[in-house]
Protein backbone atom coordinates (compact mmCIF):
# COMPACT_ATOMS: atom_id res chain seq x y z
CA UNK A 1 -185.54 -28.61 -182.42
CA UNK A 2 -183.95 -25.48 -183.82
CA UNK A 3 -181.36 -25.61 -186.58
CA UNK A 4 -178.72 -23.92 -184.42
CA UNK A 5 -179.16 -26.53 -181.71
CA UNK A 6 -178.74 -29.35 -184.22
CA UNK A 7 -175.64 -27.70 -185.55
CA UNK A 8 -174.15 -27.42 -182.10
CA UNK A 9 -174.92 -31.09 -181.38
CA UNK A 10 -173.29 -32.15 -184.63
CA UNK A 11 -170.19 -30.15 -183.84
CA UNK A 12 -170.03 -31.66 -180.34
CA UNK A 13 -170.25 -35.25 -181.67
CA UNK A 14 -167.62 -34.57 -184.30
CA UNK A 15 -165.23 -33.04 -181.77
CA UNK A 16 -165.73 -35.99 -179.38
CA UNK A 17 -164.96 -38.46 -182.14
CA UNK A 18 -161.85 -36.54 -183.13
CA UNK A 19 -160.63 -36.40 -179.52
CA UNK A 20 -161.21 -40.13 -179.11
CA UNK A 21 -159.26 -40.87 -182.25
CA UNK A 22 -156.40 -38.65 -181.09
CA UNK A 23 -156.41 -40.33 -177.68
CA UNK A 24 -156.25 -43.82 -179.23
CA UNK A 25 -153.43 -42.77 -181.55
CA UNK A 26 -151.55 -41.24 -178.64
CA UNK A 27 -151.88 -44.39 -176.55
CA UNK A 28 -150.75 -46.51 -179.47
CA UNK A 29 -147.75 -44.29 -180.08
CA UNK A 30 -146.93 -44.30 -176.37
CA UNK A 31 -147.18 -48.10 -176.29
CA UNK A 32 -144.90 -48.30 -179.27
CA UNK A 33 -142.49 -45.85 -177.69
CA UNK A 34 -142.43 -47.89 -174.45
CA UNK A 35 -142.12 -51.35 -176.08
CA UNK A 36 -139.44 -50.39 -178.56
CA UNK A 37 -136.70 -49.85 -175.93
CA UNK A 38 -137.66 -53.11 -174.21
CA UNK A 39 -137.39 -55.02 -177.47
CA UNK A 40 -134.02 -53.46 -178.22
CA UNK A 41 -132.82 -54.27 -174.71
CA UNK A 42 -133.99 -57.90 -174.98
CA UNK A 43 -132.30 -58.25 -178.35
CA UNK A 44 -129.04 -56.85 -176.97
CA UNK A 45 -129.24 -59.18 -173.96
CA UNK A 46 -129.72 -62.17 -176.26
CA UNK A 47 -126.77 -61.08 -178.37
CA UNK A 48 -124.57 -60.64 -175.28
CA UNK A 49 -125.41 -64.15 -174.04
CA UNK A 50 -124.58 -65.65 -177.42
CA UNK A 51 -121.25 -63.83 -177.45
CA UNK A 52 -120.48 -65.18 -173.97
CA UNK A 53 -121.24 -68.72 -175.16
CA UNK A 54 -118.98 -68.24 -178.19
CA UNK A 55 -116.15 -66.95 -175.98
CA UNK A 56 -116.48 -69.95 -173.63
CA UNK A 57 -116.56 -72.34 -176.59
CA UNK A 58 -113.43 -70.76 -178.11
CA UNK A 59 -111.66 -70.91 -174.73
CA UNK A 60 -112.55 -74.59 -174.32
CA UNK A 61 -111.29 -75.42 -177.82
CA UNK A 62 -108.10 -73.47 -177.10
CA UNK A 63 -107.50 -75.45 -173.90
CA UNK A 64 -108.10 -78.68 -175.76
CA UNK A 65 -105.60 -77.70 -178.42
CA UNK A 66 -103.03 -76.79 -175.77
CA UNK A 67 -103.39 -80.20 -174.05
CA UNK A 68 -103.86 -82.21 -177.21
CA UNK A 69 -101.53 -85.14 -177.82
CA UNK A 70 -99.14 -84.91 -180.75
CA UNK A 71 -100.04 -86.41 -184.12
CA UNK A 72 -97.45 -89.14 -183.56
CA UNK A 73 -98.92 -90.07 -180.16
CA UNK A 74 -102.43 -90.08 -181.62
CA UNK A 75 -101.45 -92.43 -184.43
CA UNK A 76 -99.69 -94.75 -181.99
CA UNK A 77 -102.86 -94.96 -179.89
CA UNK A 78 -104.89 -95.75 -183.00
CA UNK A 79 -102.41 -98.47 -184.05
CA UNK A 80 -102.60 -100.10 -180.62
CA UNK A 81 -106.40 -99.87 -180.67
CA UNK A 82 -106.68 -101.62 -184.03
CA UNK A 83 -104.40 -104.40 -182.84
CA UNK A 84 -106.44 -104.91 -179.66
CA UNK A 85 -109.65 -104.84 -181.69
CA UNK A 86 -108.42 -107.62 -183.98
CA UNK A 87 -107.50 -109.77 -180.97
CA UNK A 88 -110.85 -109.06 -179.34
CA UNK A 89 -112.69 -110.05 -182.51
CA UNK A 90 -110.96 -113.44 -182.50
CA UNK A 91 -111.72 -114.03 -178.84
CA UNK A 92 -115.39 -113.11 -179.10
CA UNK A 93 -115.83 -115.64 -181.92
CA UNK A 94 -114.49 -118.38 -179.63
CA UNK A 95 -116.71 -117.21 -176.78
CA UNK A 96 -119.81 -117.72 -178.90
CA UNK A 97 -119.00 -121.41 -179.28
CA UNK A 98 -118.48 -121.70 -175.52
CA UNK A 99 -121.78 -119.92 -174.91
CA UNK A 100 -123.66 -122.45 -177.04
CA UNK A 101 -122.15 -125.41 -175.16
CA UNK A 102 -122.97 -123.73 -171.88
CA UNK A 103 -126.59 -123.25 -172.97
CA UNK A 104 -126.86 -126.95 -173.79
CA UNK A 105 -125.62 -127.79 -170.29
CA UNK A 106 -128.22 -125.47 -168.75
CA UNK A 107 -130.94 -127.19 -170.76
CA UNK A 108 -129.86 -130.60 -169.44
CA UNK A 109 -129.96 -129.25 -165.89
CA UNK A 110 -133.50 -127.95 -166.57
CA UNK A 111 -132.45 -124.45 -165.56
CA UNK A 112 -134.92 -122.81 -167.92
CA UNK A 113 -134.71 -119.26 -166.51
CA UNK A 114 -130.93 -119.18 -166.75
CA UNK A 115 -131.11 -120.86 -170.16
CA UNK A 116 -133.25 -117.99 -171.50
CA UNK A 117 -130.86 -115.51 -169.91
CA UNK A 118 -127.92 -117.32 -171.53
CA UNK A 119 -129.54 -117.24 -174.98
CA UNK A 120 -130.06 -113.48 -174.74
CA UNK A 121 -126.43 -113.05 -173.72
CA UNK A 122 -125.27 -115.16 -176.65
CA UNK A 123 -127.34 -113.07 -179.07
CA UNK A 124 -125.63 -109.93 -177.80
CA UNK A 125 -122.20 -111.48 -178.39
CA UNK A 126 -123.23 -112.37 -181.93
CA UNK A 127 -124.33 -108.79 -182.61
CA UNK A 128 -121.11 -107.41 -181.13
CA UNK A 129 -119.01 -109.56 -183.45
CA UNK A 130 -121.08 -108.51 -186.46
CA UNK A 131 -120.43 -104.85 -185.65
CA UNK A 132 -116.71 -105.49 -185.25
CA UNK A 133 -116.47 -107.27 -188.61
CA UNK A 134 -118.18 -104.32 -190.33
CA UNK A 135 -116.13 -101.72 -188.48
CA UNK A 136 -115.71 -98.46 -190.41
CA UNK A 137 -114.71 -96.34 -187.46
CA UNK A 138 -113.32 -92.82 -187.89
CA UNK A 139 -110.40 -92.97 -185.48
CA UNK A 140 -108.81 -89.68 -186.57
CA UNK A 141 -111.80 -87.63 -185.43
CA UNK A 142 -112.42 -89.46 -182.17
CA UNK A 143 -111.20 -87.16 -179.35
CA UNK A 144 -110.22 -90.14 -177.19
CA UNK A 145 -107.13 -90.75 -179.30
CA UNK A 146 -105.73 -87.23 -178.98
CA UNK A 147 -106.92 -86.39 -175.43
CA UNK A 148 -104.23 -86.89 -172.74
CA UNK A 149 -104.93 -88.82 -169.50
CA UNK A 150 -106.90 -87.01 -166.82
CA UNK A 151 -107.54 -89.92 -164.40
CA UNK A 152 -105.46 -92.56 -162.73
CA UNK A 153 -106.68 -95.76 -161.09
CA UNK A 154 -105.23 -98.87 -159.52
CA UNK A 155 -106.09 -102.46 -160.38
CA UNK A 156 -104.26 -105.13 -158.47
CA UNK A 157 -100.67 -104.01 -158.00
CA UNK A 158 -100.57 -101.84 -161.10
CA UNK A 159 -101.44 -98.20 -161.74
CA UNK A 160 -103.16 -97.07 -164.92
CA UNK A 161 -104.10 -93.80 -166.57
CA UNK A 162 -106.97 -92.84 -168.85
CA UNK A 163 -108.90 -89.80 -170.04
CA UNK A 164 -112.57 -88.95 -169.52
CA UNK A 165 -113.66 -91.21 -172.39
CA UNK A 166 -111.86 -94.21 -170.92
CA UNK A 167 -113.27 -93.40 -167.48
CA UNK A 168 -116.80 -93.44 -168.92
CA UNK A 169 -116.09 -96.86 -170.44
CA UNK A 170 -115.01 -98.21 -167.05
CA UNK A 171 -118.19 -96.86 -165.46
CA UNK A 172 -120.20 -98.50 -168.24
CA UNK A 173 -118.43 -101.82 -167.66
CA UNK A 174 -119.28 -101.79 -163.96
CA UNK A 175 -122.90 -100.79 -164.47
CA UNK A 176 -123.42 -103.28 -167.31
CA UNK A 177 -121.92 -105.98 -165.12
CA UNK A 178 -124.33 -105.09 -162.33
CA UNK A 179 -127.28 -105.25 -164.72
CA UNK A 180 -126.34 -108.65 -166.17
CA UNK A 181 -125.43 -109.96 -162.71
CA UNK A 182 -128.81 -108.95 -161.33
CA UNK A 183 -130.55 -110.80 -164.18
CA UNK A 184 -128.38 -113.90 -163.66
CA UNK A 185 -128.99 -113.96 -159.91
CA UNK A 186 -132.71 -113.61 -160.39
CA UNK A 187 -132.67 -116.43 -162.98
CA UNK A 188 -130.85 -118.80 -160.61
CA UNK A 189 -133.31 -117.92 -157.86
CA UNK A 190 -136.22 -118.77 -160.16
CA UNK A 191 -134.57 -122.08 -161.04
CA UNK A 192 -134.05 -122.86 -157.33
CA UNK A 193 -130.34 -123.15 -158.08
CA UNK A 194 -127.52 -122.58 -155.62
CA UNK A 195 -125.87 -119.19 -155.20
CA UNK A 196 -122.82 -119.19 -157.49
CA UNK A 197 -122.09 -116.16 -159.66
CA UNK A 198 -118.73 -117.56 -160.83
CA UNK A 199 -120.51 -120.44 -162.55
CA UNK A 200 -122.39 -118.10 -164.86
CA UNK A 201 -120.97 -117.87 -168.36
CA UNK A 202 -121.69 -114.12 -168.37
CA UNK A 203 -119.32 -113.67 -165.41
CA UNK A 204 -116.65 -115.83 -167.03
CA UNK A 205 -116.92 -114.03 -170.36
CA UNK A 206 -117.42 -110.47 -169.06
CA UNK A 207 -117.52 -108.93 -172.55
CA UNK A 208 -121.18 -107.94 -172.67
CA UNK A 209 -121.52 -104.42 -174.08
CA UNK A 210 -117.82 -103.99 -174.84
CA UNK A 211 -117.09 -102.45 -178.24
CA UNK A 212 -113.36 -103.03 -177.97
CA UNK A 213 -112.47 -99.35 -177.58
CA UNK A 214 -111.02 -96.88 -175.08
CA UNK A 215 -109.85 -99.43 -172.47
CA UNK A 216 -108.06 -102.73 -172.61
CA UNK A 217 -110.21 -105.84 -172.60
CA UNK A 218 -108.74 -107.00 -169.27
CA UNK A 219 -109.81 -103.71 -167.70
CA UNK A 220 -113.35 -104.01 -169.04
CA UNK A 221 -113.58 -107.64 -167.93
CA UNK A 222 -112.35 -106.84 -164.43
CA UNK A 223 -114.81 -104.02 -163.77
CA UNK A 224 -117.65 -105.90 -165.45
CA UNK A 225 -117.12 -108.74 -162.98
CA UNK A 226 -116.95 -106.32 -160.06
CA UNK A 227 -120.40 -105.06 -160.99
CA UNK A 228 -121.67 -108.54 -161.88
CA UNK A 229 -120.82 -110.01 -158.49
CA UNK A 230 -122.79 -107.31 -156.67
CA UNK A 231 -125.69 -107.43 -159.12
CA UNK A 232 -125.94 -111.22 -158.83
CA UNK A 233 -126.14 -110.97 -155.05
CA UNK A 234 -128.88 -108.32 -155.23
CA UNK A 235 -130.83 -110.32 -157.81
CA UNK A 236 -130.53 -113.64 -156.04
CA UNK A 237 -131.63 -112.26 -152.68
CA UNK A 238 -134.21 -109.93 -154.25
CA UNK A 239 -132.85 -106.73 -152.73
CA UNK A 240 -131.06 -103.52 -153.71
CA UNK A 241 -127.98 -103.29 -151.52
CA UNK A 242 -125.50 -102.29 -154.22
CA UNK A 243 -127.66 -100.80 -156.94
CA UNK A 244 -130.99 -99.39 -158.00
CA UNK A 245 -133.43 -99.44 -160.87
CA UNK A 246 -134.27 -96.13 -162.53
CA UNK A 247 -136.60 -95.98 -165.54
CA UNK A 248 -136.28 -99.73 -166.04
CA UNK A 249 -132.47 -99.74 -166.06
CA UNK A 250 -130.33 -101.38 -163.38
CA UNK A 251 -127.15 -99.62 -162.26
CA UNK A 252 -124.81 -99.41 -159.30
CA UNK A 253 -125.27 -96.82 -156.59
CA UNK A 254 -122.93 -93.87 -157.05
CA UNK A 255 -121.08 -94.55 -153.82
CA UNK A 256 -120.54 -98.20 -154.75
CA UNK A 257 -119.39 -97.30 -158.26
CA UNK A 258 -116.88 -94.77 -156.92
CA UNK A 259 -115.56 -97.33 -154.44
CA UNK A 260 -115.06 -99.93 -157.19
CA UNK A 261 -113.30 -97.61 -159.65
CA UNK A 262 -111.55 -95.24 -157.24
CA UNK A 263 -110.71 -92.89 -160.11
CA UNK A 264 -108.34 -90.13 -159.07
CA UNK A 265 -108.18 -86.95 -161.11
CA UNK A 266 -104.65 -86.12 -162.11
CA UNK A 267 -103.18 -82.73 -161.25
């Protein structure tokens, strides 16, 4: 091959390589030019969303401050709560003694399923009292004590008011009652015992799961028993008329719960 031909081939290869390199660099620059605006836009969108969240949070805190109870009202609520808690602590200690006597009676009647249920209930009462005796609760920073009522409800011939935290406690009382009632009814069925939810110590006590806060003990007891009665019936007859079981937890159906509580939002 002639020298001139080799020279031309070498020049051709070199030019091709240079063009390829330029093309790659151009594509890379173009990709960078295209992605940069998208990144900036995404960053701005993220920032805008965060600002919107901050605005909503500030507005919510402002509304809470506007509707917040006075310091005097808050302290009065806390004083009443501490008094009720002391009374509840005394009562729960007495209930433990009653629970033990009741368990002995169940053992004599050879109601082994209900006896085991009773022992578990007693253990819960013991733990509740231990928590009450070691209470170091921060009342001042609990929003329940400075949040005004937002719901009203009727029990018997009397009308009551509570806020969202008290309403949640009433819902918990009803659902806990249903759960313990279902277990009691199932235990009596296993023992071939007669249908009688009122005879169960859990129904008479009605304090299971109550920490002594947000609602009066009479309120908790009342709604616990409302749930218990329906749970006992479902458990005894092995059905789910009033409640359901989701993820291993028994609770009342929403429609039944709403009917029991009949909470009305205040204007």
